[in-house]
């Protein structure tokens, strides 16, 4: 399924902090639902809102890896599910976490995104520091 490849390309771009490629792969009007520090879902609207949140994480300042734990799984004609493992270190702090993602693909872009973080409070504390 083409969405599998698109999802893998996006994860590779995220892992490389390649904001240009991430921007190309996100629909301008993407709606993303991401876990906040309390495990509740926050709605982000538009690729600039989503990428602004990622840029605030300052990925290049962290020794950071993001890897798929298994191949993406097509769960519908336009839906792809994936699981990632995150490891990061910055300023003497470490993060080891997992997250599940469900992406709705429209054409060659991600149009909608749901993300569930396994350890939302730890993740929020790490990236906020």
N, C-alpha and C. Protein backbone atom coordinates (compact mmCIF):
# COMPACT_ATOMS: atom_id res chain seq x y z
N UNK A 1 0.85 -1.19 0.00
CA UNK A 1 0.00 0.00 0.00
C UNK A 1 0.89 1.25 0.00
N UNK A 2 0.59 2.23 -0.83
CA UNK A 2 1.42 3.44 -0.91
C UNK A 2 1.53 4.18 0.42
N UNK A 3 0.51 4.14 1.26
CA UNK A 3 0.54 4.82 2.54
C UNK A 3 1.62 4.28 3.47
N UNK A 4 1.92 2.98 3.34
CA UNK A 4 2.98 2.39 4.17
C UNK A 4 4.31 3.08 3.89
N UNK A 5 4.62 3.24 2.62
CA UNK A 5 5.87 3.88 2.21
C UNK A 5 5.91 5.34 2.65
N UNK A 6 4.79 6.03 2.51
CA UNK A 6 4.72 7.43 2.92
C UNK A 6 4.96 7.54 4.42
N UNK A 7 4.36 6.65 5.20
CA UNK A 7 4.55 6.66 6.65
C UNK A 7 6.01 6.42 7.00
N UNK A 8 6.64 5.47 6.31
CA UNK A 8 8.06 5.19 6.57
C UNK A 8 8.93 6.38 6.20
N UNK A 9 8.60 7.06 5.11
CA UNK A 9 9.37 8.25 4.71
C UNK A 9 9.22 9.36 5.74
N UNK A 10 8.00 9.51 6.28
CA UNK A 10 7.80 10.55 7.29
C UNK A 10 8.59 10.24 8.56
N UNK A 11 8.54 9.01 9.02
CA UNK A 11 9.28 8.63 10.23
C UNK A 11 10.78 8.84 10.01
N UNK A 12 11.29 8.50 8.85
CA UNK A 12 12.71 8.72 8.55
C UNK A 12 13.04 10.22 8.57
N UNK A 13 12.15 11.04 8.02
CA UNK A 13 12.37 12.50 8.04
C UNK A 13 12.34 13.04 9.46
N UNK A 14 11.40 12.56 10.27
CA UNK A 14 11.30 12.99 11.67
C UNK A 14 12.58 12.61 12.40
N UNK A 15 13.04 11.37 12.21
CA UNK A 15 14.24 10.89 12.88
C UNK A 15 15.47 11.71 12.50
N UNK A 16 15.48 12.25 11.28
CA UNK A 16 16.60 13.06 10.81
C UNK A 16 16.39 14.56 11.06
N UNK A 17 15.28 14.92 11.70
CA UNK A 17 14.90 16.32 11.91
C UNK A 17 14.90 17.07 10.56
N UNK A 18 14.39 16.40 9.53
CA UNK A 18 14.32 16.95 8.18
C UNK A 18 12.95 17.63 8.00
N UNK A 19 12.88 18.89 8.40
CA UNK A 19 11.61 19.60 8.40
C UNK A 19 11.09 19.87 6.99
N UNK A 20 11.97 19.99 6.01
CA UNK A 20 11.53 20.18 4.63
C UNK A 20 10.74 18.99 4.12
N UNK A 21 11.26 17.80 4.34
CA UNK A 21 10.55 16.59 3.91
C UNK A 21 9.28 16.39 4.71
N UNK A 22 9.34 16.64 6.03
CA UNK A 22 8.12 16.52 6.83
C UNK A 22 7.04 17.44 6.28
N UNK A 23 7.41 18.67 5.95
CA UNK A 23 6.45 19.65 5.42
C UNK A 23 5.82 19.13 4.12
N UNK A 24 6.63 18.56 3.24
CA UNK A 24 6.11 18.02 1.97
C UNK A 24 5.12 16.89 2.18
N UNK A 25 5.33 16.08 3.21
CA UNK A 25 4.50 14.89 3.43
C UNK A 25 3.24 15.16 4.24
N UNK A 26 3.13 16.35 4.83
CA UNK A 26 1.94 16.71 5.60
C UNK A 26 1.03 17.59 4.75
N UNK A 27 -0.27 17.28 4.74
CA UNK A 27 -1.23 18.13 4.05
C UNK A 27 -1.25 19.50 4.73
N UNK A 28 -1.41 20.58 3.98
CA UNK A 28 -1.44 21.91 4.59
C UNK A 28 -2.50 22.04 5.68
N UNK A 29 -3.62 21.36 5.51
CA UNK A 29 -4.73 21.46 6.47
C UNK A 29 -4.86 20.21 7.36
N UNK A 30 -3.74 19.52 7.59
CA UNK A 30 -3.76 18.32 8.44
C UNK A 30 -4.42 18.63 9.79
N UNK A 31 -5.15 17.66 10.30
CA UNK A 31 -5.64 17.70 11.67
C UNK A 31 -4.93 16.58 12.41
N UNK A 32 -4.21 16.94 13.47
CA UNK A 32 -3.45 15.96 14.24
C UNK A 32 -3.95 15.96 15.68
N UNK A 33 -4.13 14.78 16.19
CA UNK A 33 -4.53 14.59 17.58
C UNK A 33 -3.32 13.98 18.29
N UNK A 34 -2.74 14.72 19.25
CA UNK A 34 -1.54 14.25 19.94
C UNK A 34 -1.78 14.24 21.44
N UNK A 35 -1.14 13.29 22.10
CA UNK A 35 -1.29 13.12 23.54
C UNK A 35 -0.59 14.26 24.27
N UNK A 36 -1.28 14.85 25.25
CA UNK A 36 -0.62 15.85 26.10
C UNK A 36 -0.04 15.17 27.33
N UNK A 37 0.52 15.94 28.26
CA UNK A 37 1.22 15.37 29.42
C UNK A 37 0.31 14.54 30.32
N UNK A 38 -0.99 14.78 30.25
CA UNK A 38 -1.94 14.03 31.09
C UNK A 38 -2.59 12.87 30.34
N UNK A 39 -2.15 12.64 29.12
CA UNK A 39 -2.71 11.54 28.34
C UNK A 39 -3.98 11.91 27.59
N UNK A 40 -4.35 13.18 27.62
CA UNK A 40 -5.53 13.64 26.89
C UNK A 40 -5.12 14.04 25.48
N UNK A 41 -6.07 14.05 24.58
CA UNK A 41 -5.77 14.38 23.19
C UNK A 41 -5.88 15.89 22.97
N UNK A 42 -4.87 16.44 22.31
CA UNK A 42 -4.88 17.84 21.90
C UNK A 42 -5.02 17.88 20.39
N UNK A 43 -5.86 18.78 19.91
CA UNK A 43 -6.08 18.92 18.47
C UNK A 43 -5.14 20.00 17.93
N UNK A 44 -4.39 19.65 16.91
CA UNK A 44 -3.53 20.60 16.21
C UNK A 44 -4.09 20.74 14.80
N UNK A 45 -4.18 21.97 14.31
CA UNK A 45 -4.76 22.21 13.00
C UNK A 45 -3.75 22.85 12.07
N UNK A 46 -3.49 22.20 10.97
CA UNK A 46 -2.59 22.71 9.96
C UNK A 46 -1.16 22.23 10.17
N UNK A 47 -0.45 22.12 9.06
CA UNK A 47 0.91 21.60 9.15
C UNK A 47 1.83 22.55 9.90
N UNK A 48 1.59 23.87 9.83
CA UNK A 48 2.44 24.80 10.56
C UNK A 48 2.28 24.62 12.06
N UNK A 49 1.06 24.38 12.53
CA UNK A 49 0.81 24.14 13.95
C UNK A 49 1.53 22.86 14.39
N UNK A 50 1.39 21.80 13.61
CA UNK A 50 2.04 20.53 13.95
C UNK A 50 3.56 20.67 13.94
N UNK A 51 4.11 21.23 12.87
CA UNK A 51 5.56 21.35 12.77
C UNK A 51 6.13 22.32 13.80
N UNK A 52 5.37 23.34 14.16
CA UNK A 52 5.80 24.24 15.23
C UNK A 52 5.98 23.50 16.54
N UNK A 53 5.08 22.58 16.79
CA UNK A 53 5.19 21.77 18.01
C UNK A 53 6.42 20.87 17.96
N UNK A 54 6.70 20.29 16.80
CA UNK A 54 7.89 19.44 16.65
C UNK A 54 9.16 20.29 16.76
N UNK A 55 9.18 21.46 16.12
CA UNK A 55 10.36 22.33 16.20
C UNK A 55 10.65 22.73 17.64
N UNK A 56 9.62 22.93 18.45
CA UNK A 56 9.80 23.31 19.86
C UNK A 56 10.50 22.22 20.66
N UNK A 57 10.46 20.99 20.16
CA UNK A 57 11.15 19.89 20.85
C UNK A 57 12.67 20.02 20.72
N UNK A 58 13.14 20.82 19.77
CA UNK A 58 14.57 21.03 19.51
C UNK A 58 15.28 19.69 19.33
N UNK A 59 14.81 18.92 18.36
CA UNK A 59 15.37 17.59 18.10
C UNK A 59 16.88 17.59 17.89
N UNK A 60 17.45 18.55 17.15
CA UNK A 60 18.90 18.50 16.94
C UNK A 60 19.72 18.62 18.23
N UNK A 61 19.15 19.20 19.28
CA UNK A 61 19.88 19.35 20.54
C UNK A 61 19.88 18.06 21.37
N UNK A 62 19.08 17.10 20.99
CA UNK A 62 19.00 15.84 21.73
C UNK A 62 19.70 14.74 20.93
N UNK A 63 20.36 13.86 21.64
CA UNK A 63 20.81 12.63 20.97
C UNK A 63 19.54 11.79 20.88
N UNK A 64 19.02 11.65 19.69
CA UNK A 64 17.65 11.22 19.49
C UNK A 64 17.57 10.12 18.43
N UNK A 65 16.83 9.06 18.74
CA UNK A 65 16.52 8.05 17.73
C UNK A 65 15.02 7.80 17.74
N UNK A 66 14.49 7.58 16.58
CA UNK A 66 13.09 7.24 16.39
C UNK A 66 13.07 6.10 15.39
N UNK A 67 12.52 4.96 15.80
CA UNK A 67 12.53 3.78 14.94
C UNK A 67 11.18 3.09 14.96
N UNK A 68 10.78 2.59 13.81
CA UNK A 68 9.59 1.75 13.75
C UNK A 68 9.89 0.45 14.49
N UNK A 69 8.94 -0.03 15.28
CA UNK A 69 9.13 -1.30 15.97
C UNK A 69 8.68 -2.47 15.11
N UNK A 70 7.93 -2.17 14.06
CA UNK A 70 7.46 -3.18 13.10
C UNK A 70 7.06 -2.43 11.84
N UNK A 71 6.84 -3.14 10.78
CA UNK A 71 6.41 -2.50 9.52
C UNK A 71 5.04 -1.87 9.71
N UNK A 72 4.78 -0.72 9.06
CA UNK A 72 3.45 -0.12 9.12
C UNK A 72 2.39 -1.11 8.62
N UNK A 73 1.18 -0.99 9.18
CA UNK A 73 0.09 -1.91 8.85
C UNK A 73 -1.06 -1.11 8.25
N UNK A 74 -1.49 -1.50 7.06
CA UNK A 74 -2.67 -0.89 6.45
C UNK A 74 -3.90 -1.43 7.17
N UNK A 75 -4.73 -0.52 7.69
CA UNK A 75 -5.93 -0.95 8.41
C UNK A 75 -7.21 -0.48 7.69
N UNK A 76 -7.05 0.03 6.52
CA UNK A 76 -8.16 0.48 5.70
C UNK A 76 -7.61 1.03 4.40
N UNK A 77 -8.48 1.42 3.48
CA UNK A 77 -7.99 1.90 2.19
C UNK A 77 -7.11 3.15 2.28
N UNK A 78 -7.31 3.96 3.31
CA UNK A 78 -6.52 5.18 3.45
C UNK A 78 -5.91 5.34 4.85
N UNK A 79 -5.89 4.26 5.65
CA UNK A 79 -5.38 4.32 7.02
C UNK A 79 -4.17 3.40 7.20
N UNK A 80 -3.15 3.94 7.87
CA UNK A 80 -1.94 3.18 8.17
C UNK A 80 -1.65 3.33 9.66
N UNK A 81 -1.37 2.20 10.32
CA UNK A 81 -1.04 2.22 11.74
C UNK A 81 0.44 1.87 11.89
N UNK A 82 1.11 2.57 12.80
CA UNK A 82 2.50 2.26 13.07
C UNK A 82 2.83 2.48 14.54
N UNK A 83 3.87 1.79 14.97
CA UNK A 83 4.35 1.89 16.34
C UNK A 83 5.82 2.29 16.27
N UNK A 84 6.20 3.26 17.11
CA UNK A 84 7.59 3.71 17.12
C UNK A 84 8.17 3.63 18.53
N UNK A 85 9.49 3.51 18.55
CA UNK A 85 10.25 3.57 19.79
C UNK A 85 11.12 4.82 19.73
N UNK A 86 11.10 5.58 20.82
CA UNK A 86 11.86 6.83 20.92
C UNK A 86 12.89 6.69 22.02
N UNK A 87 14.12 7.06 21.72
CA UNK A 87 15.15 7.16 22.74
C UNK A 87 15.84 8.50 22.54
N UNK A 88 16.05 9.21 23.63
CA UNK A 88 16.68 10.53 23.53
C UNK A 88 17.45 10.82 24.81
N UNK A 89 18.47 11.65 24.65
CA UNK A 89 19.27 12.09 25.79
C UNK A 89 19.64 13.54 25.57
N UNK A 90 19.47 14.34 26.62
CA UNK A 90 19.82 15.76 26.53
C UNK A 90 20.02 16.28 27.95
N UNK A 91 21.11 16.98 28.16
CA UNK A 91 21.35 17.61 29.46
C UNK A 91 21.34 16.63 30.62
N UNK A 92 21.84 15.43 30.41
CA UNK A 92 21.87 14.43 31.48
C UNK A 92 20.55 13.71 31.71
N UNK A 93 19.53 14.07 30.97
CA UNK A 93 18.22 13.41 31.10
C UNK A 93 18.04 12.43 29.95
N UNK A 94 17.31 11.36 30.24
CA UNK A 94 17.06 10.33 29.22
C UNK A 94 15.57 10.07 29.09
N UNK A 95 15.20 9.69 27.88
CA UNK A 95 13.82 9.31 27.60
C UNK A 95 13.84 8.02 26.80
N UNK A 96 13.00 7.07 27.21
CA UNK A 96 12.76 5.85 26.44
C UNK A 96 11.26 5.66 26.42
N UNK A 97 10.67 5.70 25.25
CA UNK A 97 9.22 5.73 25.15
C UNK A 97 8.77 5.02 23.87
N UNK A 98 7.49 4.77 23.81
CA UNK A 98 6.85 4.18 22.63
C UNK A 98 5.60 5.01 22.32
N UNK A 99 5.20 5.00 21.05
CA UNK A 99 3.97 5.69 20.67
C UNK A 99 3.33 4.95 19.51
N UNK A 100 2.00 4.95 19.52
CA UNK A 100 1.23 4.40 18.42
C UNK A 100 0.69 5.54 17.58
N UNK A 101 0.67 5.35 16.26
CA UNK A 101 0.21 6.38 15.34
C UNK A 101 -0.76 5.77 14.34
N UNK A 102 -1.83 6.48 14.08
CA UNK A 102 -2.76 6.12 13.02
C UNK A 102 -2.81 7.30 12.06
N UNK A 103 -2.47 7.05 10.80
CA UNK A 103 -2.40 8.10 9.79
C UNK A 103 -3.47 7.88 8.73
N UNK A 104 -4.15 8.97 8.38
CA UNK A 104 -5.06 8.91 7.23
C UNK A 104 -4.33 9.57 6.06
N UNK A 105 -4.17 8.80 5.00
CA UNK A 105 -3.42 9.25 3.83
C UNK A 105 -4.38 9.73 2.76
N UNK A 106 -4.07 10.88 2.20
CA UNK A 106 -4.87 11.43 1.10
C UNK A 106 -3.90 11.81 -0.02
N UNK A 107 -3.95 11.08 -1.10
CA UNK A 107 -2.98 11.31 -2.18
C UNK A 107 -1.59 10.94 -1.71
N UNK A 108 -0.68 11.88 -1.74
CA UNK A 108 0.71 11.66 -1.32
C UNK A 108 1.03 12.38 -0.02
N UNK A 109 -0.01 12.68 0.79
CA UNK A 109 0.22 13.41 2.03
C UNK A 109 -0.58 12.81 3.18
N UNK A 110 -0.11 13.11 4.38
CA UNK A 110 -0.81 12.72 5.60
C UNK A 110 -1.85 13.79 5.88
N UNK A 111 -3.12 13.41 5.87
CA UNK A 111 -4.22 14.36 6.03
C UNK A 111 -4.74 14.42 7.47
N UNK A 112 -4.59 13.32 8.20
CA UNK A 112 -5.06 13.28 9.58
C UNK A 112 -4.16 12.33 10.35
N UNK A 113 -3.98 12.63 11.65
CA UNK A 113 -3.00 11.89 12.44
C UNK A 113 -3.52 11.76 13.87
N UNK A 114 -3.47 10.55 14.38
CA UNK A 114 -3.77 10.30 15.79
C UNK A 114 -2.53 9.69 16.41
N UNK A 115 -2.07 10.24 17.51
CA UNK A 115 -0.86 9.74 18.19
C UNK A 115 -1.19 9.47 19.65
N UNK A 116 -0.80 8.29 20.13
CA UNK A 116 -0.96 7.95 21.54
C UNK A 116 0.42 7.64 22.09
N UNK A 117 0.82 8.39 23.08
CA UNK A 117 2.14 8.28 23.72
C UNK A 117 2.03 7.32 24.90
N UNK A 118 2.97 6.37 25.01
CA UNK A 118 2.93 5.40 26.10
C UNK A 118 3.22 6.04 27.46
N UNK A 119 4.10 7.04 27.48
CA UNK A 119 4.49 7.71 28.73
C UNK A 119 4.38 9.22 28.53
N UNK A 120 3.16 9.75 28.47
CA UNK A 120 2.99 11.15 28.10
C UNK A 120 3.63 12.15 29.06
N UNK A 121 3.54 11.93 30.36
CA UNK A 121 4.12 12.88 31.32
C UNK A 121 5.64 12.90 31.21
N UNK A 122 6.26 11.72 31.09
CA UNK A 122 7.72 11.65 30.96
C UNK A 122 8.17 12.31 29.67
N UNK A 123 7.47 12.05 28.61
CA UNK A 123 7.81 12.63 27.31
C UNK A 123 7.71 14.15 27.36
N UNK A 124 6.61 14.66 27.90
CA UNK A 124 6.41 16.10 28.00
C UNK A 124 7.51 16.75 28.83
N UNK A 125 7.85 16.15 29.97
CA UNK A 125 8.89 16.70 30.84
C UNK A 125 10.24 16.72 30.13
N UNK A 126 10.56 15.66 29.40
CA UNK A 126 11.84 15.60 28.70
C UNK A 126 11.93 16.68 27.63
N UNK A 127 10.93 16.75 26.75
CA UNK A 127 11.02 17.68 25.62
C UNK A 127 10.84 19.13 26.05
N UNK A 128 10.24 19.37 27.20
CA UNK A 128 10.08 20.74 27.70
C UNK A 128 11.36 21.26 28.35
N UNK A 129 12.29 20.35 28.70
CA UNK A 129 13.51 20.79 29.41
C UNK A 129 14.58 21.28 28.47
